Every structure is written in C-alpha cells, then in structure tokens.
N, C-alpha and C. Protein backbone atom coordinates (compact mmCIF):
# COMPACT_ATOMS: atom_id res chain seq x y z
N MET A 1 106.37 136.88 83.53
CA MET A 1 107.15 135.74 83.11
C MET A 1 106.23 134.51 83.18
N ALA A 2 106.15 133.72 82.09
CA ALA A 2 105.34 132.41 82.07
C ALA A 2 105.91 131.35 82.97
N TRP A 3 104.95 130.68 83.51
CA TRP A 3 105.39 129.54 84.41
C TRP A 3 105.66 128.30 83.51
N ASP A 4 106.84 127.66 83.70
CA ASP A 4 107.22 126.53 82.93
C ASP A 4 106.64 125.30 83.60
N THR A 5 105.41 124.96 83.37
CA THR A 5 104.82 123.89 84.01
C THR A 5 105.57 122.43 83.78
N GLU A 6 106.01 122.28 82.57
CA GLU A 6 106.73 120.89 82.35
C GLU A 6 107.94 120.81 83.23
N ARG A 7 108.69 121.95 83.26
CA ARG A 7 109.90 121.97 84.19
C ARG A 7 109.53 121.70 85.59
N THR A 8 108.51 122.36 86.02
CA THR A 8 108.13 122.27 87.48
C THR A 8 107.61 120.73 87.70
N ARG A 9 106.90 120.33 86.82
CA ARG A 9 106.37 118.86 86.85
C ARG A 9 107.66 117.87 87.04
N ARG A 10 108.62 118.08 86.12
CA ARG A 10 109.75 117.27 86.10
C ARG A 10 110.51 117.35 87.43
N LEU A 11 110.79 118.50 87.86
CA LEU A 11 111.41 118.72 89.19
C LEU A 11 110.69 118.05 90.36
N LEU A 12 109.38 118.14 90.31
CA LEU A 12 108.62 117.40 91.31
C LEU A 12 108.64 115.85 91.22
N LEU A 13 108.58 115.31 90.03
CA LEU A 13 108.67 113.94 89.72
C LEU A 13 110.15 113.35 90.19
N ASP A 14 111.19 114.20 89.81
CA ASP A 14 112.52 113.73 90.29
C ASP A 14 112.79 113.77 91.75
N ALA A 15 112.24 114.85 92.37
CA ALA A 15 112.35 114.97 93.88
C ALA A 15 111.52 113.86 94.57
N ALA A 16 110.28 113.68 94.02
CA ALA A 16 109.39 112.61 94.67
C ALA A 16 110.01 111.20 94.46
N ALA A 17 110.63 110.94 93.32
CA ALA A 17 111.28 109.61 93.09
C ALA A 17 112.24 109.36 94.26
N GLY A 18 113.11 110.24 94.58
CA GLY A 18 113.97 110.14 95.64
C GLY A 18 113.31 109.93 97.04
N GLU A 19 112.38 110.83 97.31
CA GLU A 19 111.66 110.63 98.56
C GLU A 19 110.89 109.39 98.74
N PHE A 20 110.15 109.04 97.82
CA PHE A 20 109.36 107.78 97.69
C PHE A 20 110.17 106.59 97.80
N SER A 21 111.29 106.55 97.06
CA SER A 21 112.14 105.36 97.05
C SER A 21 112.92 105.17 98.44
N ALA A 22 113.10 106.23 99.06
CA ALA A 22 113.80 106.17 100.32
C ALA A 22 112.86 105.84 101.52
N ARG A 23 111.54 106.34 101.42
CA ARG A 23 110.70 106.32 102.63
C ARG A 23 109.39 105.66 102.31
N GLY A 24 109.04 105.30 101.12
CA GLY A 24 107.75 104.74 100.78
C GLY A 24 106.71 105.80 100.64
N LEU A 25 105.51 105.29 100.24
CA LEU A 25 104.45 106.27 100.18
C LEU A 25 103.98 106.81 101.53
N ALA A 26 103.91 105.90 102.51
CA ALA A 26 103.46 106.38 103.93
C ALA A 26 104.50 107.30 104.53
N GLY A 27 105.79 107.03 104.37
CA GLY A 27 106.71 107.85 105.03
C GLY A 27 107.21 109.09 104.30
N ALA A 28 106.89 109.22 103.09
CA ALA A 28 107.16 110.38 102.29
C ALA A 28 106.47 111.63 102.72
N ARG A 29 107.09 112.70 102.62
CA ARG A 29 106.53 113.93 103.04
C ARG A 29 106.46 114.92 101.91
N VAL A 30 105.29 115.50 101.79
CA VAL A 30 104.94 116.51 100.58
C VAL A 30 105.99 117.76 100.84
N ASP A 31 106.17 118.12 102.10
CA ASP A 31 107.08 119.33 102.27
C ASP A 31 108.49 118.96 101.85
N ARG A 32 108.92 117.83 102.09
CA ARG A 32 110.39 117.51 101.75
C ARG A 32 110.43 117.38 100.20
N ILE A 33 109.49 116.81 99.50
CA ILE A 33 109.47 116.78 98.17
C ILE A 33 109.48 118.23 97.56
N ALA A 34 108.57 119.00 97.95
CA ALA A 34 108.54 120.48 97.46
C ALA A 34 109.88 121.20 97.73
N ALA A 35 110.43 120.98 98.90
CA ALA A 35 111.66 121.66 99.29
C ALA A 35 112.82 121.17 98.37
N GLU A 36 112.85 119.90 98.15
CA GLU A 36 113.84 119.28 97.20
C GLU A 36 113.70 119.86 95.79
N ALA A 37 112.54 119.91 95.42
CA ALA A 37 112.27 120.52 93.95
C ALA A 37 112.36 122.03 93.91
N GLY A 38 112.31 122.70 94.99
CA GLY A 38 112.38 124.08 94.96
C GLY A 38 111.04 124.71 94.52
N VAL A 39 110.01 123.98 94.92
CA VAL A 39 108.72 124.46 94.35
C VAL A 39 107.67 124.53 95.55
N ASN A 40 106.70 125.36 95.38
CA ASN A 40 105.69 125.50 96.49
C ASN A 40 104.86 124.09 96.47
N LYS A 41 104.58 123.69 97.63
CA LYS A 41 103.94 122.33 97.74
C LYS A 41 102.60 122.28 97.16
N GLU A 42 101.98 123.46 96.95
CA GLU A 42 100.57 123.46 96.36
C GLU A 42 100.73 123.10 95.00
N ARG A 43 101.80 123.21 94.32
CA ARG A 43 102.00 122.66 92.85
C ARG A 43 101.65 121.24 92.81
N ILE A 44 102.16 120.41 93.94
CA ILE A 44 102.03 119.04 93.94
C ILE A 44 100.51 118.68 93.82
N TYR A 45 99.67 119.45 94.55
CA TYR A 45 98.24 119.17 94.52
C TYR A 45 97.57 119.60 93.21
N SER A 46 98.12 120.77 92.69
CA SER A 46 97.48 121.26 91.47
C SER A 46 97.84 120.33 90.29
N TYR A 47 99.08 119.75 90.26
CA TYR A 47 99.49 118.89 89.13
C TYR A 47 99.07 117.53 89.29
N PHE A 48 98.97 116.94 90.51
CA PHE A 48 98.96 115.50 90.77
C PHE A 48 97.73 115.11 91.60
N GLY A 49 97.03 116.13 92.24
CA GLY A 49 95.88 115.90 93.06
C GLY A 49 96.16 115.47 94.46
N SER A 50 97.17 114.65 94.67
CA SER A 50 97.38 114.24 96.04
C SER A 50 98.77 113.64 96.09
N LYS A 51 99.19 113.21 97.26
CA LYS A 51 100.49 112.51 97.37
C LYS A 51 100.38 111.18 96.68
N GLU A 52 99.36 110.54 96.79
CA GLU A 52 99.01 109.31 96.19
C GLU A 52 99.03 109.35 94.67
N GLY A 53 98.54 110.41 94.12
CA GLY A 53 98.54 110.70 92.59
C GLY A 53 100.00 111.03 92.19
N LEU A 54 100.82 111.74 93.01
CA LEU A 54 102.20 111.94 92.62
C LEU A 54 102.90 110.62 92.71
N PHE A 55 102.72 109.69 93.62
CA PHE A 55 103.29 108.42 93.65
C PHE A 55 102.99 107.65 92.38
N THR A 56 101.82 107.55 91.98
CA THR A 56 101.35 106.90 90.79
C THR A 56 102.01 107.54 89.60
N ALA A 57 102.23 108.88 89.55
CA ALA A 57 102.81 109.47 88.43
C ALA A 57 104.38 109.21 88.30
N VAL A 58 104.98 109.08 89.46
CA VAL A 58 106.38 108.81 89.67
C VAL A 58 106.67 107.35 89.13
N ILE A 59 105.86 106.47 89.57
CA ILE A 59 106.05 105.04 89.13
C ILE A 59 105.79 104.97 87.61
N GLY A 60 104.74 105.54 87.17
CA GLY A 60 104.57 105.59 85.61
C GLY A 60 105.70 106.26 84.84
N ASP A 61 106.26 107.23 85.36
CA ASP A 61 107.31 108.01 84.75
C ASP A 61 108.60 107.14 84.76
N ARG A 62 108.97 106.48 85.79
CA ARG A 62 110.15 105.67 85.90
C ARG A 62 110.01 104.44 85.15
N LEU A 63 108.81 103.87 85.05
CA LEU A 63 108.69 102.63 84.26
C LEU A 63 108.69 102.99 82.77
N ALA A 64 108.12 104.23 82.34
CA ALA A 64 108.16 104.52 80.97
C ALA A 64 109.61 104.74 80.64
N ALA A 65 110.42 105.22 81.42
CA ALA A 65 111.84 105.51 81.16
C ALA A 65 112.57 104.14 80.86
N VAL A 66 112.39 103.07 81.70
CA VAL A 66 113.06 101.85 81.46
C VAL A 66 112.52 101.19 80.14
N LEU A 67 111.22 101.35 79.90
CA LEU A 67 110.64 100.86 78.70
C LEU A 67 111.18 101.34 77.47
N ASP A 68 111.36 102.74 77.61
CA ASP A 68 112.07 103.40 76.40
C ASP A 68 113.59 103.14 76.30
N ALA A 69 114.26 102.91 77.38
CA ALA A 69 115.68 102.66 77.44
C ALA A 69 116.00 101.37 77.06
N VAL A 70 115.33 100.33 77.45
CA VAL A 70 115.78 98.95 77.26
C VAL A 70 114.70 98.11 76.62
N SER A 71 115.08 97.53 75.47
CA SER A 71 114.03 96.76 74.69
C SER A 71 114.74 95.46 74.29
N ILE A 72 114.02 94.49 74.00
CA ILE A 72 114.46 93.17 73.64
C ILE A 72 114.70 93.37 72.11
N THR A 73 115.90 93.00 71.65
CA THR A 73 116.39 93.03 70.25
C THR A 73 116.99 91.79 69.90
N GLY A 74 116.93 91.42 68.66
CA GLY A 74 117.49 90.19 68.12
C GLY A 74 116.58 88.93 68.32
N SER A 75 117.11 87.81 68.22
CA SER A 75 116.25 86.54 68.46
C SER A 75 117.13 85.61 69.15
N GLY A 76 116.34 84.51 69.66
CA GLY A 76 117.02 83.44 70.33
C GLY A 76 117.33 83.77 71.75
N ILE A 77 117.88 82.84 72.35
CA ILE A 77 118.29 83.09 73.85
C ILE A 77 119.36 84.18 74.06
N GLU A 78 120.13 84.34 72.91
CA GLU A 78 120.99 85.50 73.05
C GLU A 78 120.40 86.80 73.13
N ALA A 79 119.10 86.89 72.59
CA ALA A 79 118.39 88.24 72.69
C ALA A 79 117.86 88.35 74.20
N LEU A 80 117.55 87.18 74.78
CA LEU A 80 117.06 87.17 76.26
C LEU A 80 118.29 87.44 77.19
N THR A 81 119.26 86.91 76.87
CA THR A 81 120.51 87.20 77.82
C THR A 81 121.03 88.51 77.60
N ASP A 82 121.04 89.09 76.44
CA ASP A 82 121.42 90.44 76.20
C ASP A 82 120.54 91.45 76.99
N TYR A 83 119.29 91.10 76.84
CA TYR A 83 118.26 91.98 77.49
C TYR A 83 118.39 91.86 78.98
N ALA A 84 118.70 90.64 79.45
CA ALA A 84 118.84 90.51 80.91
C ALA A 84 119.95 91.34 81.48
N GLY A 85 121.09 91.36 80.77
CA GLY A 85 122.32 92.16 81.17
C GLY A 85 121.95 93.65 81.07
N ARG A 86 121.30 94.04 80.05
CA ARG A 86 120.96 95.45 79.90
C ARG A 86 119.94 96.01 81.07
N ILE A 87 119.00 95.02 81.30
CA ILE A 87 118.04 95.40 82.39
C ILE A 87 118.82 95.51 83.81
N PHE A 88 119.62 94.66 84.00
CA PHE A 88 120.49 94.63 85.17
C PHE A 88 121.19 95.89 85.26
N ASP A 89 121.91 96.32 84.17
CA ASP A 89 122.64 97.61 84.07
C ASP A 89 121.74 98.78 84.42
N TYR A 90 120.59 98.74 83.78
CA TYR A 90 119.63 99.89 83.96
C TYR A 90 119.24 99.89 85.42
N HIS A 91 118.79 98.86 86.01
CA HIS A 91 118.37 98.87 87.41
C HIS A 91 119.50 99.20 88.37
N SER A 92 120.75 98.90 88.05
CA SER A 92 121.86 99.22 88.83
C SER A 92 122.13 100.65 88.81
N ALA A 93 121.89 101.24 87.71
CA ALA A 93 122.10 102.69 87.51
C ALA A 93 120.97 103.50 88.00
N HIS A 94 119.74 102.97 88.13
CA HIS A 94 118.57 103.61 88.60
C HIS A 94 117.84 102.82 89.73
N PRO A 95 118.55 102.66 90.83
CA PRO A 95 118.05 101.86 91.97
C PRO A 95 116.69 102.24 92.53
N GLU A 96 116.19 103.54 92.19
CA GLU A 96 115.04 104.01 92.88
C GLU A 96 113.83 103.34 92.14
N LEU A 97 113.99 102.83 90.92
CA LEU A 97 112.79 102.10 90.28
C LEU A 97 112.52 100.78 91.07
N ALA A 98 113.46 100.11 91.45
CA ALA A 98 113.19 98.85 92.29
C ALA A 98 112.61 99.12 93.55
N ARG A 99 113.19 100.08 94.20
CA ARG A 99 112.67 100.50 95.46
C ARG A 99 111.25 101.04 95.41
N LEU A 100 111.01 101.77 94.45
CA LEU A 100 109.52 102.22 94.23
C LEU A 100 108.62 101.07 94.06
N THR A 101 108.96 100.15 93.25
CA THR A 101 108.06 99.00 93.05
C THR A 101 107.92 98.07 94.30
N PHE A 102 109.08 98.03 95.05
CA PHE A 102 109.02 97.26 96.28
C PHE A 102 108.09 97.85 97.31
N TRP A 103 108.18 99.20 97.38
CA TRP A 103 107.29 100.02 98.41
C TRP A 103 105.88 99.85 97.93
N GLU A 104 105.49 100.05 96.69
CA GLU A 104 104.21 99.79 96.15
C GLU A 104 103.70 98.56 96.54
N GLY A 105 104.40 97.43 96.41
CA GLY A 105 103.98 96.15 96.77
C GLY A 105 103.64 95.97 98.30
N LEU A 106 104.38 96.57 99.09
CA LEU A 106 104.27 96.54 100.47
C LEU A 106 103.10 97.36 100.90
N GLU A 107 102.96 98.45 100.39
CA GLU A 107 102.04 99.51 100.87
C GLU A 107 100.63 99.57 100.14
N ASP A 108 100.59 99.22 98.95
CA ASP A 108 99.40 99.28 98.23
C ASP A 108 98.81 98.03 97.76
N GLY A 109 97.46 97.95 97.69
CA GLY A 109 96.75 96.74 97.43
C GLY A 109 96.76 96.43 95.94
N ALA A 110 97.05 97.37 95.05
CA ALA A 110 97.12 97.11 93.65
C ALA A 110 98.07 98.01 92.89
N PRO A 111 98.61 97.60 91.79
CA PRO A 111 99.59 98.35 91.13
C PRO A 111 99.12 99.75 90.72
N ALA A 112 99.88 100.72 90.86
CA ALA A 112 99.44 102.12 90.38
C ALA A 112 99.32 101.98 88.80
N ALA A 113 98.43 102.71 88.19
CA ALA A 113 98.33 102.66 86.75
C ALA A 113 98.20 101.22 86.17
N GLU A 114 97.47 100.49 86.83
CA GLU A 114 97.51 98.98 86.52
C GLU A 114 97.21 98.79 85.14
N GLU A 115 96.27 99.40 84.56
CA GLU A 115 95.80 98.86 83.12
C GLU A 115 96.93 99.21 82.13
N ALA A 116 97.59 100.36 82.30
CA ALA A 116 98.72 100.85 81.39
C ALA A 116 99.88 99.89 81.56
N ARG A 117 100.15 99.61 82.83
CA ARG A 117 101.32 98.73 83.13
C ARG A 117 101.15 97.35 82.63
N ALA A 118 99.91 96.86 82.83
CA ALA A 118 99.58 95.49 82.43
C ALA A 118 99.75 95.43 80.85
N ALA A 119 99.39 96.43 80.22
CA ALA A 119 99.41 96.42 78.70
C ALA A 119 100.84 96.48 78.28
N ALA A 120 101.75 97.28 78.97
CA ALA A 120 103.24 97.28 78.76
C ALA A 120 103.93 95.93 78.89
N CYS A 121 103.42 95.21 80.02
CA CYS A 121 103.91 93.96 80.27
C CYS A 121 103.58 92.89 79.16
N ALA A 122 102.33 93.08 78.77
CA ALA A 122 101.80 92.25 77.67
C ALA A 122 102.65 92.43 76.47
N ARG A 123 102.97 93.70 76.01
CA ARG A 123 103.73 93.92 74.89
C ARG A 123 105.16 93.43 75.11
N LYS A 124 105.63 93.35 76.22
CA LYS A 124 107.11 92.82 76.57
C LYS A 124 106.96 91.35 76.41
N VAL A 125 105.99 90.70 76.88
CA VAL A 125 105.74 89.29 76.72
C VAL A 125 105.70 88.87 75.10
N ALA A 126 105.03 89.66 74.49
CA ALA A 126 104.77 89.38 73.06
C ALA A 126 106.13 89.53 72.33
N ARG A 127 106.78 90.55 72.71
CA ARG A 127 108.20 90.79 72.07
C ARG A 127 109.20 89.62 72.42
N LEU A 128 109.08 89.06 73.64
CA LEU A 128 109.92 87.97 73.97
C LEU A 128 109.55 86.71 73.22
N ARG A 129 108.40 86.58 73.03
CA ARG A 129 107.81 85.41 72.12
C ARG A 129 108.11 85.49 70.77
N GLU A 130 108.33 86.72 70.28
CA GLU A 130 108.74 86.87 68.83
C GLU A 130 110.16 86.52 68.85
N ALA A 131 110.96 86.92 69.82
CA ALA A 131 112.38 86.68 69.84
C ALA A 131 112.63 85.18 70.02
N MET A 132 111.79 84.56 70.87
CA MET A 132 111.95 83.15 71.18
C MET A 132 110.63 82.36 71.05
N PRO A 133 110.30 82.01 69.78
CA PRO A 133 108.92 81.47 69.50
C PRO A 133 108.71 80.10 70.20
N GLU A 134 109.77 79.52 70.59
CA GLU A 134 109.66 78.23 71.22
C GLU A 134 109.05 78.33 72.71
N LEU A 135 109.08 79.57 73.18
CA LEU A 135 108.43 79.84 74.43
C LEU A 135 106.94 79.88 74.43
N ASP A 136 106.23 79.25 75.32
CA ASP A 136 104.87 79.56 75.29
C ASP A 136 104.55 80.78 76.10
N ASP A 137 103.30 81.24 76.21
CA ASP A 137 102.92 82.49 76.91
C ASP A 137 103.33 82.46 78.35
N TYR A 138 103.01 81.37 79.07
CA TYR A 138 103.32 81.15 80.51
C TYR A 138 104.83 81.31 80.72
N ALA A 139 105.67 80.52 79.89
CA ALA A 139 107.10 80.54 80.07
C ALA A 139 107.60 81.94 79.92
N ALA A 140 107.11 82.68 78.80
CA ALA A 140 107.68 83.99 78.63
C ALA A 140 107.37 84.93 79.83
N ARG A 141 106.10 84.87 80.33
CA ARG A 141 105.76 85.70 81.50
C ARG A 141 106.65 85.35 82.64
N GLU A 142 106.88 84.07 82.83
CA GLU A 142 107.70 83.57 84.13
C GLU A 142 109.09 84.10 84.01
N LEU A 143 109.62 83.91 82.77
CA LEU A 143 111.08 84.44 82.52
C LEU A 143 111.19 85.92 82.74
N LEU A 144 110.25 86.80 82.26
CA LEU A 144 110.33 88.15 82.36
C LEU A 144 110.11 88.67 83.96
N LEU A 145 109.26 87.94 84.62
CA LEU A 145 108.98 88.22 86.03
C LEU A 145 110.23 87.88 86.82
N THR A 146 110.86 86.68 86.54
CA THR A 146 111.98 86.27 87.19
C THR A 146 113.20 87.20 86.99
N LEU A 147 113.29 87.55 85.84
CA LEU A 147 114.44 88.55 85.47
C LEU A 147 114.21 89.82 86.11
N VAL A 148 113.06 90.47 86.11
CA VAL A 148 112.82 91.72 86.87
C VAL A 148 113.09 91.61 88.32
N THR A 149 112.58 90.45 88.83
CA THR A 149 112.71 90.22 90.37
C THR A 149 114.14 90.12 90.67
N LEU A 150 114.99 89.44 89.92
CA LEU A 150 116.37 89.33 90.16
C LEU A 150 117.07 90.71 90.04
N CYS A 151 116.70 91.47 89.12
CA CYS A 151 117.37 92.81 88.96
C CYS A 151 116.90 93.75 90.05
N ASP A 152 115.64 93.67 90.46
CA ASP A 152 115.08 94.53 91.53
C ASP A 152 115.68 94.18 92.80
N GLY A 153 116.04 92.93 93.03
CA GLY A 153 116.46 92.38 94.40
C GLY A 153 117.74 93.03 94.82
N TYR A 154 118.65 93.33 93.90
CA TYR A 154 120.01 93.81 94.32
C TYR A 154 119.91 95.23 94.95
N PRO A 155 119.27 96.13 94.14
CA PRO A 155 119.18 97.54 94.83
C PRO A 155 118.14 97.71 95.91
N SER A 156 117.32 96.70 96.08
CA SER A 156 116.23 96.82 97.17
C SER A 156 116.68 96.14 98.47
N LEU A 157 117.58 95.19 98.34
CA LEU A 157 118.02 94.31 99.36
C LEU A 157 119.44 94.33 99.67
N PRO A 158 119.98 95.51 99.73
CA PRO A 158 121.57 95.60 99.98
C PRO A 158 122.17 94.95 101.15
N ASN A 159 121.34 94.82 102.17
CA ASN A 159 121.76 94.29 103.42
C ASN A 159 121.88 92.70 103.25
N LEU A 160 121.11 92.05 102.57
CA LEU A 160 121.32 90.67 102.16
C LEU A 160 122.64 90.43 101.48
N ASP A 161 122.99 91.38 100.45
CA ASP A 161 124.34 91.26 99.79
C ASP A 161 125.47 91.34 100.92
N ARG A 162 125.22 92.26 101.79
CA ARG A 162 126.31 92.39 102.74
C ARG A 162 126.41 91.22 103.73
N LEU A 163 125.26 90.66 104.05
CA LEU A 163 125.23 89.41 104.89
C LEU A 163 125.91 88.28 104.26
N TYR A 164 125.66 88.15 102.96
CA TYR A 164 126.22 86.95 102.25
C TYR A 164 127.73 87.25 101.87
N PHE A 165 128.11 88.41 101.50
CA PHE A 165 129.31 88.66 101.02
C PHE A 165 130.26 89.61 101.89
N GLY A 166 129.64 90.17 102.97
CA GLY A 166 130.54 90.91 103.92
C GLY A 166 131.21 92.09 103.19
N ASP A 167 132.52 92.24 103.43
CA ASP A 167 133.31 93.31 102.85
C ASP A 167 133.32 93.17 101.33
N ASP A 168 133.16 91.94 100.87
CA ASP A 168 133.23 91.74 99.31
C ASP A 168 132.04 92.37 98.62
N ALA A 169 130.91 92.68 99.35
CA ALA A 169 129.68 93.25 98.73
C ALA A 169 130.00 94.62 98.09
N SER A 170 131.08 95.35 98.56
CA SER A 170 131.45 96.56 97.86
C SER A 170 132.73 96.40 96.99
N ALA A 171 133.16 95.19 96.79
CA ALA A 171 134.29 95.01 95.90
C ALA A 171 134.18 95.56 94.54
N PRO A 172 135.18 96.13 94.00
CA PRO A 172 134.92 96.81 92.58
C PRO A 172 134.37 95.83 91.51
N ASP A 173 134.57 94.52 91.59
CA ASP A 173 134.01 93.65 90.61
C ASP A 173 132.68 92.96 90.96
N ARG A 174 132.17 93.33 92.16
CA ARG A 174 130.93 92.81 92.56
C ARG A 174 129.73 92.98 91.62
N THR A 175 129.51 94.09 91.16
CA THR A 175 128.42 94.47 90.21
C THR A 175 128.53 93.53 88.90
N ALA A 176 129.75 93.48 88.42
CA ALA A 176 130.05 92.58 87.22
C ALA A 176 129.59 91.12 87.49
N ARG A 177 129.91 90.68 88.64
CA ARG A 177 129.68 89.29 89.09
C ARG A 177 128.19 89.08 89.30
N ARG A 178 127.59 90.04 89.92
CA ARG A 178 126.27 90.05 90.09
C ARG A 178 125.50 89.80 88.72
N ARG A 179 125.82 90.82 87.74
CA ARG A 179 125.33 90.71 86.51
C ARG A 179 125.54 89.38 85.74
N ALA A 180 126.65 88.88 85.95
CA ALA A 180 127.02 87.47 85.25
C ALA A 180 125.98 86.43 85.89
N ALA A 181 125.78 86.60 87.19
CA ALA A 181 124.99 85.55 87.85
C ALA A 181 123.43 85.71 87.37
N VAL A 182 123.05 86.99 87.13
CA VAL A 182 121.62 87.15 86.69
C VAL A 182 121.50 86.66 85.31
N VAL A 183 122.42 86.96 84.45
CA VAL A 183 122.41 86.46 83.11
C VAL A 183 122.38 84.95 82.88
N ALA A 184 123.25 84.22 83.76
CA ALA A 184 123.35 82.88 83.80
C ALA A 184 122.11 82.21 84.30
N THR A 185 121.59 82.82 85.32
CA THR A 185 120.29 82.30 85.88
C THR A 185 119.27 82.37 84.88
N VAL A 186 119.01 83.55 84.16
CA VAL A 186 117.98 83.74 83.12
C VAL A 186 118.17 82.64 81.99
N GLU A 187 119.41 82.53 81.57
CA GLU A 187 119.77 81.69 80.50
C GLU A 187 119.37 80.15 80.86
N ALA A 188 119.69 79.81 82.19
CA ALA A 188 119.36 78.38 82.52
C ALA A 188 117.86 78.32 82.66
N LEU A 189 117.16 79.21 83.20
CA LEU A 189 115.66 79.10 83.23
C LEU A 189 115.09 79.01 81.86
N ALA A 190 115.56 79.89 80.98
CA ALA A 190 114.99 79.87 79.57
C ALA A 190 115.26 78.51 78.97
N SER A 191 116.38 77.91 79.24
CA SER A 191 116.71 76.54 78.72
C SER A 191 115.73 75.46 79.23
N ALA A 192 115.65 75.62 80.54
CA ALA A 192 114.79 74.61 81.25
C ALA A 192 113.29 74.76 80.78
N LEU A 193 112.79 75.91 80.71
CA LEU A 193 111.42 76.15 80.24
C LEU A 193 111.24 75.79 78.83
N THR A 194 112.19 75.98 78.05
CA THR A 194 112.12 75.61 76.58
C THR A 194 112.12 74.10 76.41
N ALA A 195 113.00 73.52 77.26
CA ALA A 195 112.96 71.91 77.12
C ALA A 195 111.82 71.38 77.64
N ALA A 196 111.12 72.02 78.69
CA ALA A 196 109.99 71.49 79.25
C ALA A 196 108.83 71.71 78.48
N GLY A 197 108.81 72.85 77.66
CA GLY A 197 107.63 73.34 76.97
C GLY A 197 107.27 72.52 75.78
C-alpha cells in the first residue's frame, strides 16, 4: 500500500496547530502532536526536520489559508470596513492563527518564513492602496497592522474580555458587538489617516 504523504503532512499540520496554539513552541511536545495526528513521530522529522521546522510550516499554512480565504475587494472605505469585518469573522472562526502569531512573537526573535510573509504583507498593502488611493504607504501599513492586531486580540486575550465584561463576555451577541467595534475603529482610523495624509 502506498503511503499518502500529503494526507500525513496535513494530519501533522492540523495536530501541530492545536498543540502550538495551546502551548507555544517551547511547551509543545512532538509526542502529543504525533499521537493527535495518529502518526509516528519520526514522520515529523522526515517531513519538517525539527519541531521548529514544523512550527514554521504551521504558521505558513495557517497564514496562507487566511490570505486565500479573505481578500480586499471593492474600493473606498467600504472595501476596508468590509475586509475588517471578514477578517474578524475569520479570526473568530480560527482562533489558533492569532495564538500562533502571539506565541511566535513571544518566543522567537524573528518571524517564521519572514521573506514570504513580508511579501504577502506588501501585496496586501498594495491592494489596500488600490482600493483607497488616498492612503499613503505608511497609512495603509498602519491600518492593516491595527486591523490584524484588533482581530488577533480577542482570541488571544479572552481573560481581558472576561475582566471587562464579566458574564457578558459569553453573551450571545458579544461576538457581533466585538465585530462592530472593530469595524468602527478601523473606519475611524482610516478617516483620520486620510484626513491627515
């Protein structure tokens, strides 16, 4: 029987995303990842070289998924606010992405796959500037960074939500209200940067 390397690789990436997002690079254990994936741990080393290589692959995989799933469409501030809402929705549905990037920032001196990720960020900035030509390069970068930071904060800092909102943090309309706050903040910042620019 032929070994399905792509399926095995996908099982490992998915299991590792859960392990790394819960425990970070230092706290993650190869044994737990392999057991969760139902794969011999030696496959991790043969496919990814090391635990660090697997971490880099997981971040690359999860970031590629969000880039494929959510793009800036349309023009004007409506394009930005629509994008902000959809990024919020994606991060809410995939909280491991925010946690992975938080762990990376805490544990690593540089971004994993930095060159490829920087190129993806540059493309996103260029697309925002096409949608909103009144923004200069700096303002577009600041807007996108602020947007991602806002969307990443909710899944990565749930205890702050609980401290500020208590029992209301789990209210059924809480996610919709968070989303509205993110969109309004991004809209206000875009208006301020456009006026200042």
